Amino acid sequence: MLPFLSNKKSKAGYAQDMIVKDRKPDQSDDKDDPKAFLKACAQDLIDAIKSENVDKVAQVLEDTFEMLDSQPHEEGPHTEEGQE
């Protein structure tokens, strides 16, 4: 049986429940801050780097790029180095 289908609580599950229960809300001085998402991504990146988690760093970078790319913007010319 898969562990997450079990009714038993593991020690890791208990610790995770405690972390979620005791977690404080994300700090947000201004809910109207247009850079709030970018700041959250920056904090996630800092946390991933501190934990030396390469997969998490890559995921944060990818998520940040996708979010920024999805924002309204004007496309400029796409040029390769050496092309004019």
PDB file of N, CA and C in Angstrom:
ATOM      1  N   MET A   1       0.855  -1.177   0.000  1.00  0.00           N
ATOM      2  CA  MET A   1       0.000   0.000   0.000  1.00  0.00           C
ATOM      3  C   MET A   1       0.896   1.233   0.000  1.00  0.00           C
ATOM      4  N   LEU A   2       0.487   2.244  -0.707  1.00  0.00           N
ATOM      5  CA  LEU A   2       1.241   3.487  -0.748  1.00  0.00           C
ATOM      6  C   LEU A   2       1.144   4.197   0.595  1.00  0.00           C
ATOM      7  N   PRO A   3       2.248   4.807   1.043  1.00  0.00           N
ATOM      8  CA  PRO A   3       2.260   5.418   2.373  1.00  0.00           C
ATOM      9  C   PRO A   3       1.177   6.476   2.580  1.00  0.00           C
ATOM     10  N   PHE A   4       0.868   7.250   1.551  1.00  0.00           N
ATOM     11  CA  PHE A   4      -0.119   8.305   1.745  1.00  0.00           C
ATOM     12  C   PHE A   4      -1.544   7.777   1.827  1.00  0.00           C
ATOM     13  N   LEU A   5      -1.748   6.490   1.494  1.00  0.00           N
ATOM     14  CA  LEU A   5      -3.073   5.896   1.618  1.00  0.00           C
ATOM     15  C   LEU A   5      -3.280   5.249   2.983  1.00  0.00           C
ATOM     16  N   SER A   6      -2.225   5.145   3.750  1.00  0.00           N
ATOM     17  CA  SER A   6      -2.289   4.513   5.057  1.00  0.00           C
ATOM     18  C   SER A   6      -2.963   5.443   6.065  1.00  0.00           C
ATOM     19  N   ASN A   7      -3.704   4.848   7.010  1.00  0.00           N
ATOM     20  CA  ASN A   7      -4.335   5.631   8.065  1.00  0.00           C
ATOM     21  C   ASN A   7      -3.354   5.956   9.187  1.00  0.00           C
ATOM     22  N   LYS A   8      -2.232   5.264   9.224  1.00  0.00           N
ATOM     23  CA  LYS A   8      -1.242   5.496  10.272  1.00  0.00           C
ATOM     24  C   LYS A   8      -0.512   6.803  10.008  1.00  0.00           C
ATOM     25  N   LYS A   9      -0.218   7.523  11.096  1.00  0.00           N
ATOM     26  CA  LYS A   9       0.555   8.757  10.974  1.00  0.00           C
ATOM     27  C   LYS A   9       2.010   8.431  11.270  1.00  0.00           C
ATOM     28  N   SER A  10       2.873   8.771  10.320  1.00  0.00           N
ATOM     29  CA  SER A  10       4.299   8.563  10.547  1.00  0.00           C
ATOM     30  C   SER A  10       4.846   9.741  11.331  1.00  0.00           C
ATOM     31  N   LYS A  11       6.051   9.593  11.830  1.00  0.00           N
ATOM     32  CA  LYS A  11       6.688  10.692  12.536  1.00  0.00           C
ATOM     33  C   LYS A  11       6.876  11.876  11.595  1.00  0.00           C
ATOM     34  N   ALA A  12       7.240  11.604  10.336  1.00  0.00           N
ATOM     35  CA  ALA A  12       7.430  12.676   9.369  1.00  0.00           C
ATOM     36  C   ALA A  12       6.109  13.400   9.126  1.00  0.00           C
ATOM     37  N   GLY A  13       5.023  12.654   9.038  1.00  0.00           N
ATOM     38  CA  GLY A  13       3.716  13.258   8.836  1.00  0.00           C
ATOM     39  C   GLY A  13       3.321  14.135  10.010  1.00  0.00           C
ATOM     40  N   TYR A  14       3.640  13.666  11.215  1.00  0.00           N
ATOM     41  CA  TYR A  14       3.335  14.440  12.408  1.00  0.00           C
ATOM     42  C   TYR A  14       4.129  15.747  12.411  1.00  0.00           C
ATOM     43  N   ALA A  15       5.406  15.644  12.072  1.00  0.00           N
ATOM     44  CA  ALA A  15       6.251  16.843  12.033  1.00  0.00           C
ATOM     45  C   ALA A  15       5.739  17.814  10.977  1.00  0.00           C
ATOM     46  N   GLN A  16       5.349  17.278   9.830  1.00  0.00           N
ATOM     47  CA  GLN A  16       4.825  18.127   8.761  1.00  0.00           C
ATOM     48  C   GLN A  16       3.538  18.807   9.213  1.00  0.00           C
ATOM     49  N   ASP A  17       2.667  18.073   9.918  1.00  0.00           N
ATOM     50  CA  ASP A  17       1.430  18.663  10.422  1.00  0.00           C
ATOM     51  C   ASP A  17       1.733  19.807  11.391  1.00  0.00           C
ATOM     52  N   MET A  18       2.746  19.624  12.223  1.00  0.00           N
ATOM     53  CA  MET A  18       3.111  20.649  13.190  1.00  0.00           C
ATOM     54  C   MET A  18       3.666  21.882  12.480  1.00  0.00           C
ATOM     55  N   ILE A  19       4.461  21.675  11.439  1.00  0.00           N
ATOM     56  CA  ILE A  19       5.024  22.801  10.697  1.00  0.00           C
ATOM     57  C   ILE A  19       3.902  23.610  10.059  1.00  0.00           C
ATOM     58  N   VAL A  20       2.968  22.916   9.430  1.00  0.00           N
ATOM     59  CA  VAL A  20       1.849  23.606   8.783  1.00  0.00           C
ATOM     60  C   VAL A  20       1.001  24.321   9.830  1.00  0.00           C
ATOM     61  N   LYS A  21       0.758  23.676  10.952  1.00  0.00           N
ATOM     62  CA  LYS A  21      -0.068  24.254  12.008  1.00  0.00           C
ATOM     63  C   LYS A  21       0.581  25.509  12.584  1.00  0.00           C
ATOM     64  N   ASP A  22       1.892  25.471  12.778  1.00  0.00           N
ATOM     65  CA  ASP A  22       2.602  26.580  13.412  1.00  0.00           C
ATOM     66  C   ASP A  22       3.127  27.607  12.417  1.00  0.00           C
ATOM     67  N   ARG A  23       2.930  27.373  11.142  1.00  0.00           N
ATOM     68  CA  ARG A  23       3.457  28.277  10.129  1.00  0.00           C
ATOM     69  C   ARG A  23       2.762  29.624  10.206  1.00  0.00           C
ATOM     70  N   LYS A  24       3.577  30.665  10.146  1.00  0.00           N
ATOM     71  CA  LYS A  24       3.041  32.019  10.150  1.00  0.00           C
ATOM     72  C   LYS A  24       2.717  32.421   8.718  1.00  0.00           C
ATOM     73  N   PRO A  25       1.755  33.310   8.522  1.00  0.00           N
ATOM     74  CA  PRO A  25       1.439  33.766   7.167  1.00  0.00           C
ATOM     75  C   PRO A  25       2.655  34.434   6.533  1.00  0.00           C
ATOM     76  N   ASP A  26       2.708  34.361   5.206  1.00  0.00           N
ATOM     77  CA  ASP A  26       3.781  35.042   4.493  1.00  0.00           C
ATOM     78  C   ASP A  26       3.726  36.516   4.831  1.00  0.00           C
ATOM     79  N   GLN A  27       4.904  37.098   4.997  1.00  0.00           N
ATOM     80  CA  GLN A  27       4.960  38.507   5.321  1.00  0.00           C
ATOM     81  C   GLN A  27       4.629  39.318   4.081  1.00  0.00           C
ATOM     82  N   SER A  28       3.704  40.220   4.236  1.00  0.00           N
ATOM     83  CA  SER A  28       3.288  41.054   3.122  1.00  0.00           C
ATOM     84  C   SER A  28       2.938  42.430   3.664  1.00  0.00           C
ATOM     85  N   ASP A  29       3.813  43.395   3.427  1.00  0.00           N
ATOM     86  CA  ASP A  29       3.556  44.743   3.913  1.00  0.00           C
ATOM     87  C   ASP A  29       2.462  45.418   3.104  1.00  0.00           C
ATOM     88  N   ASP A  30       2.422  45.114   1.826  1.00  0.00           N
ATOM     89  CA  ASP A  30       1.468  45.773   0.950  1.00  0.00           C
ATOM     90  C   ASP A  30       0.870  44.748   0.003  1.00  0.00           C
ATOM     91  N   LYS A  31      -0.404  44.461   0.151  1.00  0.00           N
ATOM     92  CA  LYS A  31      -1.054  43.473  -0.710  1.00  0.00           C
ATOM     93  C   LYS A  31      -1.159  43.956  -2.148  1.00  0.00           C
ATOM     94  N   ASP A  32      -1.039  45.257  -2.352  1.00  0.00           N
ATOM     95  CA  ASP A  32      -1.116  45.818  -3.694  1.00  0.00           C
ATOM     96  C   ASP A  32       0.259  45.940  -4.349  1.00  0.00           C
ATOM     97  N   ASP A  33       1.272  45.360  -3.729  1.00  0.00           N
ATOM     98  CA  ASP A  33       2.632  45.432  -4.251  1.00  0.00           C
ATOM     99  C   ASP A  33       2.706  44.683  -5.579  1.00  0.00           C
ATOM    100  N   PRO A  34       3.011  45.373  -6.674  1.00  0.00           N
ATOM    101  CA  PRO A  34       3.054  44.698  -7.975  1.00  0.00           C
ATOM    102  C   PRO A  34       4.192  43.684  -8.082  1.00  0.00           C
ATOM    103  N   LYS A  35       5.153  43.768  -7.199  1.00  0.00           N
ATOM    104  CA  LYS A  35       6.283  42.844  -7.244  1.00  0.00           C
ATOM    105  C   LYS A  35       6.183  41.763  -6.159  1.00  0.00           C
ATOM    106  N   ALA A  36       5.011  41.599  -5.567  1.00  0.00           N
ATOM    107  CA  ALA A  36       4.840  40.624  -4.487  1.00  0.00           C
ATOM    108  C   ALA A  36       5.183  39.213  -4.959  1.00  0.00           C
ATOM    109  N   PHE A  37       4.724  38.840  -6.159  1.00  0.00           N
ATOM    110  CA  PHE A  37       5.025  37.503  -6.665  1.00  0.00           C
ATOM    111  C   PHE A  37       6.523  37.327  -6.863  1.00  0.00           C
ATOM    112  N   LEU A  38       7.172  38.340  -7.437  1.00  0.00           N
ATOM    113  CA  LEU A  38       8.604  38.265  -7.689  1.00  0.00           C
ATOM    114  C   LEU A  38       9.380  38.176  -6.379  1.00  0.00           C
ATOM    115  N   LYS A  39       8.938  38.896  -5.374  1.00  0.00           N
ATOM    116  CA  LYS A  39       9.581  38.835  -4.063  1.00  0.00           C
ATOM    117  C   LYS A  39       9.403  37.448  -3.438  1.00  0.00           C
ATOM    118  N   ALA A  40       8.226  36.862  -3.610  1.00  0.00           N
ATOM    119  CA  ALA A  40       7.982  35.512  -3.093  1.00  0.00           C
ATOM    120  C   ALA A  40       8.888  34.506  -3.806  1.00  0.00           C
ATOM    121  N   CYS A  41       9.043  34.673  -5.115  1.00  0.00           N
ATOM    122  CA  CYS A  41       9.939  33.788  -5.873  1.00  0.00           C
ATOM    123  C   CYS A  41      11.381  33.960  -5.402  1.00  0.00           C
ATOM    124  N   ALA A  42      11.773  35.197  -5.147  1.00  0.00           N
ATOM    125  CA  ALA A  42      13.128  35.463  -4.670  1.00  0.00           C
ATOM    126  C   ALA A  42      13.360  34.781  -3.322  1.00  0.00           C
ATOM    127  N   GLN A  43      12.360  34.836  -2.449  1.00  0.00           N
ATOM    128  CA  GLN A  43      12.504  34.179  -1.141  1.00  0.00           C
ATOM    129  C   GLN A  43      12.585  32.667  -1.302  1.00  0.00           C
ATOM    130  N   ASP A  44      11.764  32.112  -2.205  1.00  0.00           N
ATOM    131  CA  ASP A  44      11.827  30.673  -2.473  1.00  0.00           C
ATOM    132  C   ASP A  44      13.201  30.286  -3.013  1.00  0.00           C
ATOM    133  N   LEU A  45      13.765  31.131  -3.865  1.00  0.00           N
ATOM    134  CA  LEU A  45      15.086  30.863  -4.436  1.00  0.00           C
ATOM    135  C   LEU A  45      16.155  30.900  -3.346  1.00  0.00           C
ATOM    136  N   ILE A  46      16.091  31.888  -2.478  1.00  0.00           N
ATOM    137  CA  ILE A  46      17.044  31.982  -1.365  1.00  0.00           C
ATOM    138  C   ILE A  46      16.951  30.733  -0.491  1.00  0.00           C
ATOM    139  N   ASP A  47      15.732  30.315  -0.161  1.00  0.00           N
ATOM    140  CA  ASP A  47      15.539  29.123   0.670  1.00  0.00           C
ATOM    141  C   ASP A  47      16.085  27.874  -0.019  1.00  0.00           C
ATOM    142  N   ALA A  48      15.850  27.753  -1.328  1.00  0.00           N
ATOM    143  CA  ALA A  48      16.330  26.588  -2.073  1.00  0.00           C
ATOM    144  C   ALA A  48      17.854  26.564  -2.124  1.00  0.00           C
ATOM    145  N   ILE A  49      18.460  27.729  -2.297  1.00  0.00           N
ATOM    146  CA  ILE A  49      19.924  27.800  -2.329  1.00  0.00           C
ATOM    147  C   ILE A  49      20.502  27.458  -0.963  1.00  0.00           C
ATOM    148  N   LYS A  50      19.912  27.998   0.097  1.00  0.00           N
ATOM    149  CA  LYS A  50      20.396  27.695   1.450  1.00  0.00           C
ATOM    150  C   LYS A  50      20.325  26.201   1.749  1.00  0.00           C
ATOM    151  N   SER A  51      19.298  25.542   1.243  1.00  0.00           N
ATOM    152  CA  SER A  51      19.145  24.110   1.497  1.00  0.00           C
ATOM    153  C   SER A  51      19.942  23.267   0.505  1.00  0.00           C
ATOM    154  N   GLU A  52      20.616  23.937  -0.436  1.00  0.00           N
ATOM    155  CA  GLU A  52      21.429  23.267  -1.455  1.00  0.00           C
ATOM    156  C   GLU A  52      20.613  22.251  -2.255  1.00  0.00           C
ATOM    157  N   ASN A  53      19.352  22.595  -2.533  1.00  0.00           N
ATOM    158  CA  ASN A  53      18.444  21.724  -3.259  1.00  0.00           C
ATOM    159  C   ASN A  53      18.404  22.163  -4.724  1.00  0.00           C
ATOM    160  N   VAL A  54      19.202  21.496  -5.543  1.00  0.00           N
ATOM    161  CA  VAL A  54      19.335  21.861  -6.952  1.00  0.00           C
ATOM    162  C   VAL A  54      18.001  21.752  -7.683  1.00  0.00           C
ATOM    163  N   ASP A  55      17.245  20.707  -7.420  1.00  0.00           N
ATOM    164  CA  ASP A  55      15.951  20.534  -8.083  1.00  0.00           C
ATOM    165  C   ASP A  55      14.997  21.676  -7.748  1.00  0.00           C
ATOM    166  N   LYS A  56      14.992  22.102  -6.493  1.00  0.00           N
ATOM    167  CA  LYS A  56      14.111  23.196  -6.073  1.00  0.00           C
ATOM    168  C   LYS A  56      14.553  24.508  -6.708  1.00  0.00           C
ATOM    169  N   VAL A  57      15.870  24.754  -6.795  1.00  0.00           N
ATOM    170  CA  VAL A  57      16.372  25.966  -7.450  1.00  0.00           C
ATOM    171  C   VAL A  57      15.893  25.999  -8.899  1.00  0.00           C
ATOM    172  N   ALA A  58      16.048  24.887  -9.592  1.00  0.00           N
ATOM    173  CA  ALA A  58      15.620  24.807 -10.993  1.00  0.00           C
ATOM    174  C   ALA A  58      14.125  25.043 -11.116  1.00  0.00           C
ATOM    175  N   GLN A  59      13.332  24.473 -10.213  1.00  0.00           N
ATOM    176  CA  GLN A  59      11.876  24.632 -10.259  1.00  0.00           C
ATOM    177  C   GLN A  59      11.470  26.084 -10.012  1.00  0.00           C
ATOM    178  N   VAL A  60      12.108  26.728  -9.038  1.00  0.00           N
ATOM    179  CA  VAL A  60      11.794  28.125  -8.749  1.00  0.00           C
ATOM    180  C   VAL A  60      12.134  29.010  -9.946  1.00  0.00           C
ATOM    181  N   LEU A  61      13.287  28.773 -10.563  1.00  0.00           N
ATOM    182  CA  LEU A  61      13.667  29.566 -11.733  1.00  0.00           C
ATOM    183  C   LEU A  61      12.670  29.372 -12.870  1.00  0.00           C
ATOM    184  N   GLU A  62      12.279  28.125 -13.098  1.00  0.00           N
ATOM    185  CA  GLU A  62      11.319  27.834 -14.163  1.00  0.00           C
ATOM    186  C   GLU A  62       9.964  28.487 -13.881  1.00  0.00           C
ATOM    187  N   ASP A  63       9.479  28.348 -12.649  1.00  0.00           N
ATOM    188  CA  ASP A  63       8.185  28.942 -12.283  1.00  0.00           C
ATOM    189  C   ASP A  63       8.219  30.462 -12.416  1.00  0.00           C
ATOM    190  N   THR A  64       9.326  31.058 -11.990  1.00  0.00           N
ATOM    191  CA  THR A  64       9.460  32.510 -12.076  1.00  0.00           C
ATOM    192  C   THR A  64       9.445  32.965 -13.527  1.00  0.00           C
ATOM    193  N   PHE A  65      10.207  32.271 -14.375  1.00  0.00           N
ATOM    194  CA  PHE A  65      10.237  32.634 -15.791  1.00  0.00           C
ATOM    195  C   PHE A  65       8.847  32.514 -16.413  1.00  0.00           C
ATOM    196  N   GLU A  66       8.161  31.408 -16.136  1.00  0.00           N
ATOM    197  CA  GLU A  66       6.830  31.208 -16.717  1.00  0.00           C
ATOM    198  C   GLU A  66       5.858  32.297 -16.277  1.00  0.00           C
ATOM    199  N   MET A  67       5.928  32.675 -15.011  1.00  0.00           N
ATOM    200  CA  MET A  67       5.029  33.704 -14.506  1.00  0.00           C
ATOM    201  C   MET A  67       5.355  35.051 -15.141  1.00  0.00           C
ATOM    202  N   LEU A  68       6.621  35.401 -15.211  1.00  0.00           N
ATOM    203  CA  LEU A  68       7.005  36.674 -15.817  1.00  0.00           C
ATOM    204  C   LEU A  68       6.668  36.700 -17.301  1.00  0.00           C
ATOM    205  N   ASP A  69       6.865  35.578 -17.979  1.00  0.00           N
ATOM    206  CA  ASP A  69       6.574  35.511 -19.413  1.00  0.00           C
ATOM    207  C   ASP A  69       5.078  35.604 -19.685  1.00  0.00           C
ATOM    208  N   SER A  70       4.259  35.194 -18.726  1.00  0.00           N
ATOM    209  CA  SER A  70       2.806  35.229 -18.925  1.00  0.00           C
ATOM    210  C   SER A  70       2.221  36.626 -18.705  1.00  0.00           C
ATOM    211  N   GLN A  71       3.010  37.516 -18.110  1.00  0.00           N
ATOM    212  CA  GLN A  71       2.538  38.877 -17.867  1.00  0.00           C
ATOM    213  C   GLN A  71       2.450  39.639 -19.187  1.00  0.00           C
ATOM    214  N   PRO A  72       1.545  40.596 -19.272  1.00  0.00           N
ATOM    215  CA  PRO A  72       1.436  41.396 -20.494  1.00  0.00           C
ATOM    216  C   PRO A  72       2.760  42.105 -20.779  1.00  0.00           C
ATOM    217  N   HIS A  73       3.234  41.948 -21.980  1.00  0.00           N
ATOM    218  CA  HIS A  73       4.468  42.597 -22.384  1.00  0.00           C
ATOM    219  C   HIS A  73       4.508  42.701 -23.899  1.00  0.00           C
ATOM    220  N   GLU A  74       5.369  43.529 -24.387  1.00  0.00           N
ATOM    221  CA  GLU A  74       5.510  43.714 -25.816  1.00  0.00           C
ATOM    222  C   GLU A  74       6.716  42.916 -26.287  1.00  0.00           C
ATOM    223  N   GLU A  75       6.485  42.035 -27.249  1.00  0.00           N
ATOM    224  CA  GLU A  75       7.574  41.226 -27.774  1.00  0.00           C
ATOM    225  C   GLU A  75       8.487  42.086 -28.631  1.00  0.00           C
ATOM    226  N   GLY A  76       9.751  41.947 -28.417  1.00  0.00           N
ATOM    227  CA  GLY A  76      10.741  42.616 -29.250  1.00  0.00           C
ATOM    228  C   GLY A  76      11.299  41.607 -30.230  1.00  0.00           C
ATOM    229  N   PRO A  77      12.202  42.055 -31.072  1.00  0.00           N
ATOM    230  CA  PRO A  77      12.803  41.120 -32.028  1.00  0.00           C
ATOM    231  C   PRO A  77      13.649  40.079 -31.297  1.00  0.00           C
ATOM    232  N   HIS A  78      13.529  38.847 -31.725  1.00  0.00           N
ATOM    233  CA  HIS A  78      14.330  37.773 -31.149  1.00  0.00           C
ATOM    234  C   HIS A  78      15.531  37.588 -32.063  1.00  0.00           C
ATOM    235  N   THR A  79      16.691  37.900 -31.561  1.00  0.00           N
ATOM    236  CA  THR A  79      17.900  37.787 -32.382  1.00  0.00           C
ATOM    237  C   THR A  79      18.896  36.872 -31.714  1.00  0.00           C
ATOM    238  N   GLU A  80      19.637  36.200 -32.520  1.00  0.00           N
ATOM    239  CA  GLU A  80      20.723  35.355 -32.033  1.00  0.00           C
ATOM    240  C   GLU A  80      22.007  36.160 -32.110  1.00  0.00           C
ATOM    241  N   GLU A  81      22.955  35.808 -31.297  1.00  0.00           N
ATOM    242  CA  GLU A  81      24.239  36.493 -31.334  1.00  0.00           C
ATOM    243  C   GLU A  81      24.871  36.309 -32.722  1.00  0.00           C
ATOM    244  N   GLY A  82      25.340  37.373 -33.294  1.00  0.00           N
ATOM    245  CA  GLY A  82      25.945  37.300 -34.612  1.00  0.00           C
ATOM    246  C   GLY A  82      24.966  37.572 -35.740  1.00  0.00           C
ATOM    247  N   GLN A  83      23.673  37.623 -35.445  1.00  0.00           N
ATOM    248  CA  GLN A  83      22.675  37.938 -36.471  1.00  0.00           C
ATOM    249  C   GLN A  83      22.266  39.387 -36.337  1.00  0.00           C
ATOM    250  N   GLU A  84      21.891  39.995 -37.442  1.00  0.00           N
ATOM    251  CA  GLU A  84      21.433  41.384 -37.386  1.00  0.00           C
ATOM    252  C   GLU A  84      20.067  41.514 -37.974  1.00  0.00           C
TER     253      GLU A  84
END
